C-alpha atoms as a PDB file:
ATOM      1  CA  MET A   1     139.551  94.992 166.718  1.00  0.00           C
ATOM      2  CA  GLY A   2     138.010  98.470 167.037  1.00  0.00           C
ATOM      3  CA  VAL A   3     134.881  97.535 165.083  1.00  0.00           C
ATOM      4  CA  LEU A   4     134.067  94.868 167.650  1.00  0.00           C
ATOM      5  CA  LYS A   5     134.243  97.235 170.619  1.00  0.00           C
ATOM      6  CA  GLY A   6     130.923  97.148 172.464  1.00  0.00           C
ATOM      7  CA  TYR A   7     129.577  94.216 170.474  1.00  0.00           C
ATOM      8  CA  ASP A   8     132.078  91.756 171.876  1.00  0.00           C
ATOM      9  CA  ASN A   9     130.890  92.535 175.399  1.00  0.00           C
ATOM     10  CA  ILE A  10     128.043  90.202 174.426  1.00  0.00           C
ATOM     11  CA  THR A  11     129.578  87.971 171.776  1.00  0.00           C
ATOM     12  CA  LYS A  12     133.117  87.666 173.164  1.00  0.00           C
ATOM     13  CA  ALA A  13     134.131  87.383 169.498  1.00  0.00           C
ATOM     14  CA  ALA A  14     132.723  83.986 168.495  1.00  0.00           C
ATOM     15  CA  GLY A  15     131.205  83.149 171.866  1.00  0.00           C
ATOM     16  CA  HIS A  16     127.634  82.968 173.131  1.00  0.00           C
ATOM     17  CA  VAL A  17     124.918  85.613 173.024  1.00  0.00           C
ATOM     18  CA  PRO A  18     121.482  85.581 174.653  1.00  0.00           C
ATOM     19  CA  ALA A  19     118.556  83.849 172.948  1.00  0.00           C
ATOM     20  CA  LEU A  20     117.280  85.430 169.750  1.00  0.00           C
ATOM     21  CA  SER A  21     114.300  86.829 171.630  1.00  0.00           C
ATOM     22  CA  SER A  22     116.702  88.937 173.688  1.00  0.00           C
ATOM     23  CA  LYS A  23     116.566  92.573 172.620  1.00  0.00           C
ATOM     24  CA  GLU A  24     120.149  92.958 173.850  1.00  0.00           C
ATOM     25  CA  ALA A  25     121.457  90.416 171.349  1.00  0.00           C
ATOM     26  CA  VAL A  26     119.562  91.937 168.420  1.00  0.00           C
ATOM     27  CA  ASP A  27     120.557  95.498 169.310  1.00  0.00           C
ATOM     28  CA  ALA A  28     124.200  94.514 169.710  1.00  0.00           C
ATOM     29  CA  PHE A  29     124.355  92.917 166.288  1.00  0.00           C
ATOM     30  CA  GLN A  30     122.619  95.900 164.726  1.00  0.00           C
ATOM     31  CA  ILE A  31     125.264  98.218 166.171  1.00  0.00           C
ATOM     32  CA  LEU A  32     127.975  95.967 164.762  1.00  0.00           C
ATOM     33  CA  VAL A  33     126.354  96.166 161.309  1.00  0.00           C
ATOM     34  CA  PHE A  34     126.272  99.971 161.512  1.00  0.00           C
ATOM     35  CA  ASP A  35     129.900 100.077 162.649  1.00  0.00           C
ATOM     36  CA  LEU A  36     131.007  97.807 159.807  1.00  0.00           C
ATOM     37  CA  ILE A  37     129.195  99.842 157.161  1.00  0.00           C
ATOM     38  CA  ASN A  38     130.538 103.079 158.626  1.00  0.00           C
ATOM     39  CA  GLU A  39     134.100 101.738 158.629  1.00  0.00           C
ATOM     40  CA  ALA A  40     133.762 100.568 155.032  1.00  0.00           C
ATOM     41  CA  TYR A  41     132.255 103.932 154.055  1.00  0.00           C
ATOM     42  CA  LYS A  42     135.215 105.840 155.506  1.00  0.00           C
ATOM     43  CA  THR A  43     137.576 103.531 153.648  1.00  0.00           C
ATOM     44  CA  ILE A  44     136.069 104.155 150.215  1.00  0.00           C
ATOM     45  CA  LYS A  45     135.232 107.839 150.734  1.00  0.00           C
ATOM     46  CA  THR A  46     138.806 109.013 151.414  1.00  0.00           C
ATOM     47  CA  PRO A  47     140.281 109.103 148.921  1.00  0.00           C
ATOM     48  CA  THR A  48     137.235 108.588 146.713  1.00  0.00           C
ATOM     49  CA  PRO A  49     137.742 105.888 144.044  1.00  0.00           C
ATOM     50  CA  PHE A  50     135.052 107.350 141.811  1.00  0.00           C
ATOM     51  CA  THR A  51     136.226 109.317 138.791  1.00  0.00           C
ATOM     52  CA  GLU A  52     132.645 110.359 137.992  1.00  0.00           C
ATOM     53  CA  MET A  53     129.297 110.362 139.772  1.00  0.00           C
ATOM     54  CA  PRO A  54     128.835 106.730 140.853  1.00  0.00           C
ATOM     55  CA  SER A  55     125.779 104.548 140.365  1.00  0.00           C
ATOM     56  CA  GLU A  56     124.064 102.670 143.196  1.00  0.00           C
ATOM     57  CA  PRO A  57     125.521  99.272 142.119  1.00  0.00           C
ATOM     58  CA  LEU A  58     129.051 100.703 141.932  1.00  0.00           C
ATOM     59  CA  ILE A  59     128.848 102.066 145.473  1.00  0.00           C
ATOM     60  CA  SER A  60     127.424  98.761 146.729  1.00  0.00           C
ATOM     61  CA  VAL A  61     130.272  96.818 145.114  1.00  0.00           C
ATOM     62  CA  SER A  62     132.843  99.187 146.622  1.00  0.00           C
ATOM     63  CA  LEU A  63     131.260  98.822 150.073  1.00  0.00           C
ATOM     64  CA  TYR A  64     131.199  95.037 149.705  1.00  0.00           C
ATOM     65  CA  ASP A  65     134.903  94.920 148.849  1.00  0.00           C
ATOM     66  CA  ALA A  66     135.784  97.185 151.790  1.00  0.00           C
ATOM     67  CA  LEU A  67     133.586  95.165 154.173  1.00  0.00           C
ATOM     68  CA  LYS A  68     135.292  91.933 153.160  1.00  0.00           C
ATOM     69  CA  ILE A  69     138.711  93.377 153.989  1.00  0.00           C
ATOM     70  CA  ILE A  70     137.532  94.658 157.389  1.00  0.00           C
ATOM     71  CA  VAL A  71     135.732  91.440 158.389  1.00  0.00           C
ATOM     72  CA  ASP A  72     138.712  89.287 157.402  1.00  0.00           C
ATOM     73  CA  ARG A  73     141.274  91.622 158.979  1.00  0.00           C
ATOM     74  CA  ASP A  74     139.504  91.978 162.326  1.00  0.00           C
ATOM     75  CA  SER A  75     138.064  88.424 162.487  1.00  0.00           C
ATOM     76  CA  ILE A  76     134.523  89.753 162.873  1.00  0.00           C
ATOM     77  CA  PRO A  77     132.115  86.927 163.858  1.00  0.00           C
ATOM     78  CA  CYS A  78     129.622  87.458 161.057  1.00  0.00           C
ATOM     79  CA  SER A  79     129.106  86.903 157.356  1.00  0.00           C
ATOM     80  CA  PHE A  80     127.445  89.044 154.717  1.00  0.00           C
ATOM     81  CA  SER A  81     126.020  88.339 151.292  1.00  0.00           C
ATOM     82  CA  PRO A  82     125.304  90.720 148.401  1.00  0.00           C
ATOM     83  CA  GLU A  83     122.160  90.637 146.251  1.00  0.00           C
ATOM     84  CA  LEU A  84     120.463  88.016 148.428  1.00  0.00           C
ATOM     85  CA  PRO A  85     116.915  87.170 147.241  1.00  0.00           C
ATOM     86  CA  GLU A  86     113.921  87.071 149.564  1.00  0.00           C
ATOM     87  CA  PHE A  87     112.064  83.851 148.770  1.00  0.00           C
ATOM     88  CA  THR A  88     108.551  84.494 150.031  1.00  0.00           C
ATOM     89  CA  LYS A  89     105.966  81.867 150.945  1.00  0.00           C
ATOM     90  CA  ASP A  90     104.304  82.349 147.539  1.00  0.00           C
ATOM     91  CA  ILE A  91     107.599  81.586 145.798  1.00  0.00           C
ATOM     92  CA  ARG A  92     108.381  78.608 148.013  1.00  0.00           C
ATOM     93  CA  GLU A  93     104.922  77.134 147.392  1.00  0.00           C
ATOM     94  CA  GLY A  94     105.078  77.682 143.628  1.00  0.00           C
ATOM     95  CA  ARG A  95     102.505  80.475 143.280  1.00  0.00           C
ATOM     96  CA  LYS A  96     105.141  82.903 142.016  1.00  0.00           C
ATOM     97  CA  PRO A  97     108.324  82.207 140.027  1.00  0.00           C
ATOM     98  CA  ALA A  98     111.634  82.411 141.859  1.00  0.00           C
ATOM     99  CA  ASN A  99     112.937  85.064 139.481  1.00  0.00           C
ATOM    100  CA  THR A 100     110.387  87.542 140.872  1.00  0.00           C
ATOM    101  CA  ALA A 101     112.086  87.533 144.293  1.00  0.00           C
ATOM    102  CA  LYS A 102     113.156  90.932 145.559  1.00  0.00           C
ATOM    103  CA  LYS A 103     116.796  91.190 146.567  1.00  0.00           C
ATOM    104  CA  TYR A 104     118.458  92.763 149.552  1.00  0.00           C
ATOM    105  CA  ASP A 105     121.522  94.791 148.656  1.00  0.00           C
ATOM    106  CA  LEU A 106     123.299  93.096 151.579  1.00  0.00           C
ATOM    107  CA  VAL A 107     122.369  90.647 154.334  1.00  0.00           C
ATOM    108  CA  PHE A 108     124.478  90.367 157.494  1.00  0.00           C
ATOM    109  CA  GLU A 109     124.327  87.268 159.696  1.00  0.00           C
ATOM    110  CA  ASN A 110     126.118  86.479 162.947  1.00  0.00           C
ATOM    111  CA  TRP A 111     127.959  83.204 163.402  1.00  0.00           C
ATOM    112  CA  ASN A 112     126.437  82.201 166.703  1.00  0.00           C
ATOM    113  CA  SER A 113     124.471  78.945 166.464  1.00  0.00           C
ATOM    114  CA  ASP A 114     122.443  79.648 169.606  1.00  0.00           C
ATOM    115  CA  ALA A 115     121.076  83.020 168.548  1.00  0.00           C
ATOM    116  CA  ARG A 116     121.015  83.523 164.796  1.00  0.00           C
ATOM    117  CA  VAL A 117     120.489  87.191 163.938  1.00  0.00           C
ATOM    118  CA  GLU A 118     120.140  88.595 160.422  1.00  0.00           C
ATOM    119  CA  PHE A 119     119.886  92.141 159.096  1.00  0.00           C
ATOM    120  CA  GLY A 120     119.004  93.137 155.572  1.00  0.00           C
ATOM    121  CA  VAL A 121     120.232  96.319 153.894  1.00  0.00           C
ATOM    122  CA  GLU A 122     118.221  98.236 151.317  1.00  0.00           C
ATOM    123  CA  ALA A 123     120.361 100.917 149.667  1.00  0.00           C
ATOM    124  CA  LYS A 124     119.132 103.795 147.519  1.00  0.00           C
ATOM    125  CA  LEU A 125     120.868 106.545 145.550  1.00  0.00           C
ATOM    126  CA  LEU A 126     119.858 110.079 146.600  1.00  0.00           C
ATOM    127  CA  VAL A 127     120.477 113.606 145.285  1.00  0.00           C
ATOM    128  CA  GLU A 128     119.202 116.982 146.450  1.00  0.00           C
ATOM    129  CA  ASN A 129     119.054 118.524 142.971  1.00  0.00           C
ATOM    130  CA  ASP A 130     118.537 117.075 139.502  1.00  0.00           C
ATOM    131  CA  ILE A 131     121.917 116.202 138.015  1.00  0.00           C
ATOM    132  CA  GLN A 132     123.207 113.981 135.183  1.00  0.00           C
ATOM    133  CA  LYS A 133     119.821 112.357 134.450  1.00  0.00           C
ATOM    134  CA  ARG A 134     119.201 111.745 138.138  1.00  0.00           C
ATOM    135  CA  VAL A 135     115.870 113.291 139.094  1.00  0.00           C
ATOM    136  CA  ALA A 136     115.865 114.223 142.779  1.00  0.00           C
ATOM    137  CA  ASN A 137     112.120 113.914 143.418  1.00  0.00           C
ATOM    138  CA  ALA A 138     111.938 110.558 141.630  1.00  0.00           C
ATOM    139  CA  LEU A 139     114.747 109.158 143.779  1.00  0.00           C
ATOM    140  CA  ILE A 140     113.061 110.482 146.936  1.00  0.00           C
ATOM    141  CA  ARG A 141     109.788 108.804 145.967  1.00  0.00           C
ATOM    142  CA  GLU A 142     111.635 105.550 145.278  1.00  0.00           C
ATOM    143  CA  TYR A 143     113.322 105.715 148.689  1.00  0.00           C
ATOM    144  CA  VAL A 144     109.956 105.935 150.474  1.00  0.00           C
ATOM    145  CA  SER A 145     107.982 103.598 148.192  1.00  0.00           C
ATOM    146  CA  ASP A 146     107.827  99.798 148.050  1.00  0.00           C
ATOM    147  CA  ALA A 147     111.132  99.980 146.167  1.00  0.00           C
ATOM    148  CA  GLY A 148     112.720 101.307 149.368  1.00  0.00           C
ATOM    149  CA  MET A 149     111.312 101.730 152.884  1.00  0.00           C
ATOM    150  CA  GLY A 150     108.097  99.995 151.868  1.00  0.00           C
ATOM    151  CA  LYS A 151     109.954  96.690 151.528  1.00  0.00           C
ATOM    152  CA  TYR A 152     110.193  96.669 155.326  1.00  0.00           C
ATOM    153  CA  ILE A 153     107.082  98.634 156.281  1.00  0.00           C
ATOM    154  CA  ASN A 154     104.786  96.570 154.053  1.00  0.00           C
ATOM    155  CA  LYS A 155     106.657  93.348 154.817  1.00  0.00           C
ATOM    156  CA  LEU A 156     107.836  92.633 151.292  1.00  0.00           C
ATOM    157  CA  TYR A 157     110.982  91.630 153.163  1.00  0.00           C
ATOM    158  CA  ASN A 158     110.723  89.145 156.036  1.00  0.00           C
ATOM    159  CA  LYS A 159     114.034  89.986 157.678  1.00  0.00           C
ATOM    160  CA  ARG A 160     114.552  92.919 159.976  1.00  0.00           C
ATOM    161  CA  GLY A 161     116.562  95.542 158.186  1.00  0.00           C
ATOM    162  CA  ILE A 162     117.933  99.021 157.724  1.00  0.00           C
ATOM    163  CA  MET A 163     117.959 101.639 154.986  1.00  0.00           C
ATOM    164  CA  VAL A 164     121.178 103.103 153.589  1.00  0.00           C
ATOM    165  CA  GLY A 165     121.124 106.277 151.525  1.00  0.00           C
ATOM    166  CA  TYR A 166     123.944 106.863 149.020  1.00  0.00           C
ATOM    167  CA  ILE A 167     124.070 110.670 148.696  1.00  0.00           C
ATOM    168  CA  VAL A 168     126.042 111.658 145.614  1.00  0.00           C
ATOM    169  CA  GLU A 169     124.926 115.303 145.416  1.00  0.00           C
ATOM    170  CA  GLY A 170     123.606 117.787 147.932  1.00  0.00           C
ATOM    171  CA  ALA A 171     123.343 118.140 151.699  1.00  0.00           C
ATOM    172  CA  THR A 172     122.122 115.270 153.849  1.00  0.00           C
ATOM    173  CA  SER A 173     119.891 117.492 155.991  1.00  0.00           C
ATOM    174  CA  ASN A 174     118.112 118.931 152.942  1.00  0.00           C
ATOM    175  CA  ILE A 175     117.558 115.478 151.463  1.00  0.00           C
ATOM    176  CA  VAL A 176     116.088 114.237 154.759  1.00  0.00           C
ATOM    177  CA  VAL A 177     113.647 117.172 154.703  1.00  0.00           C
ATOM    178  CA  LYS A 178     112.529 116.048 151.233  1.00  0.00           C
ATOM    179  CA  ILE A 179     112.207 112.432 152.363  1.00  0.00           C
ATOM    180  CA  ASN A 180     110.086 113.536 155.299  1.00  0.00           C
ATOM    181  CA  GLN A 181     107.819 115.583 153.054  1.00  0.00           C
ATOM    182  CA  GLN A 182     107.316 112.525 150.858  1.00  0.00           C
ATOM    183  CA  ILE A 183     106.565 110.422 153.944  1.00  0.00           C
ATOM    184  CA  GLU A 184     103.966 112.964 155.088  1.00  0.00           C
ATOM    185  CA  ASP A 185     102.390 112.971 151.614  1.00  0.00           C
ATOM    186  CA  SER A 186     102.296 109.198 151.100  1.00  0.00           C
ATOM    187  CA  LEU A 187     102.428 107.675 154.610  1.00  0.00           C
ATOM    188  CA  ASN A 188     101.899 109.607 157.823  1.00  0.00           C
ATOM    189  CA  LYS A 189     103.702 112.531 159.453  1.00  0.00           C
ATOM    190  CA  LYS A 190     104.250 110.353 162.533  1.00  0.00           C
ATOM    191  CA  GLU A 191     106.525 108.138 160.405  1.00  0.00           C
ATOM    192  CA  VAL A 192     109.099 110.786 159.445  1.00  0.00           C
ATOM    193  CA  LEU A 193     112.844 110.380 159.952  1.00  0.00           C
ATOM    194  CA  GLN A 194     114.290 111.699 163.214  1.00  0.00           C
ATOM    195  CA  ILE A 195     117.994 112.246 163.865  1.00  0.00           C
ATOM    196  CA  VAL A 196     119.607 109.687 166.195  1.00  0.00           C
ATOM    197  CA  THR A 197     121.924 111.087 168.858  1.00  0.00           C
ATOM    198  CA  GLU A 198     122.710 108.015 170.970  1.00  0.00           C
ATOM    199  CA  SER A 199     126.436 107.720 171.666  1.00  0.00           C
ATOM    200  CA  LYS A 200     126.390 103.991 170.832  1.00  0.00           C
ATOM    201  CA  PHE A 201     126.393 104.911 167.124  1.00  0.00           C
ATOM    202  CA  LYS A 202     129.693 106.108 165.665  1.00  0.00           C
ATOM    203  CA  HIS A 203     128.266 107.590 162.457  1.00  0.00           C
ATOM    204  CA  SER A 204     126.860 111.122 162.801  1.00  0.00           C
ATOM    205  CA  GLU A 205     124.151 110.875 160.148  1.00  0.00           C
ATOM    206  CA  ILE A 206     121.836 108.137 161.393  1.00  0.00           C
ATOM    207  CA  TYR A 207     118.075 108.617 161.505  1.00  0.00           C
ATOM    208  CA  LYS A 208     115.188 106.407 162.535  1.00  0.00           C
ATOM    209  CA  SER A 209     111.507 106.199 161.709  1.00  0.00           C
ATOM    210  CA  GLU A 210     108.681 104.546 163.626  1.00  0.00           C
ATOM    211  CA  HIS A 211     105.915 102.613 161.854  1.00  0.00           C
ATOM    212  CA  LEU A 212     103.601 101.474 164.617  1.00  0.00           C
ATOM    213  CA  GLY A 213     101.130  98.801 163.616  1.00  0.00           C
ATOM    214  CA  LYS A 214     103.268  97.905 160.585  1.00  0.00           C
ATOM    215  CA  ILE A 215     106.605  96.694 161.930  1.00  0.00           C
ATOM    216  CA  ASP A 216     107.563  96.144 165.557  1.00  0.00           C
ATOM    217  CA  TYR A 217     110.997  97.781 165.434  1.00  0.00           C
ATOM    218  CA  SER A 218     112.512 101.167 164.675  1.00  0.00           C
ATOM    219  CA  LEU A 219     113.638 101.447 161.049  1.00  0.00           C
ATOM    220  CA  TYR A 220     117.101 103.007 160.986  1.00  0.00           C
ATOM    221  CA  HIS A 221     118.452 105.062 158.091  1.00  0.00           C
ATOM    222  CA  LEU A 222     122.213 105.409 157.597  1.00  0.00           C
ATOM    223  CA  MET A 223     123.084 108.297 155.275  1.00  0.00           C
ATOM    224  CA  LEU A 224     126.436 108.034 153.493  1.00  0.00           C
ATOM    225  CA  ASN A 225     127.443 111.265 151.773  1.00  0.00           C
ATOM    226  CA  PHE A 226     129.912 110.837 148.901  1.00  0.00           C
ATOM    227  CA  ASN A 227     130.131 114.543 147.928  1.00  0.00           C
END
């Protein structure tokens, strides 16, 4: 039950949490999501199941399989869905076709009926240097653009969410420097990623960015290095 530690101070497993407006309830579920992803990451990283440089979908599938084992094993009071579409108001009212819906890589949802909390995950492949047809600068631009962070910043997604970087080549710190340069070039230097040092997070490579006037929460970035 180690993944639940801290979170079940509020949930008591499948018990009650404060109303959805409570920052405590939202923050607690977000920490649980980070802990679950981190636990799944450690499971698939050692030993690595990848015989060659993996694609983004392959890593997502491997994480999904590991998450399912952890959630079932530890009776975690949440569910998660892969490739979940975001049906916007335009789609629901027939102004856009349903097949144009953007899809979260994962969506986590708690099981509490009194305070339903959801978190979306947008995952992106990242490399420091060009390798095997993967162009580093192009992947960095995609991470920052409306294909990545912009889905939250520009409200292409309605749910609160987090970014997850799949690093398959290079050093995390160097890649974050490149992401921040792209943010300064295309957004604003006040919106760059900053390392998170709070002890409540178990993973050592978590960053956050602030986008005041765009979204009313800190956007967290979990970097998973598969080198």
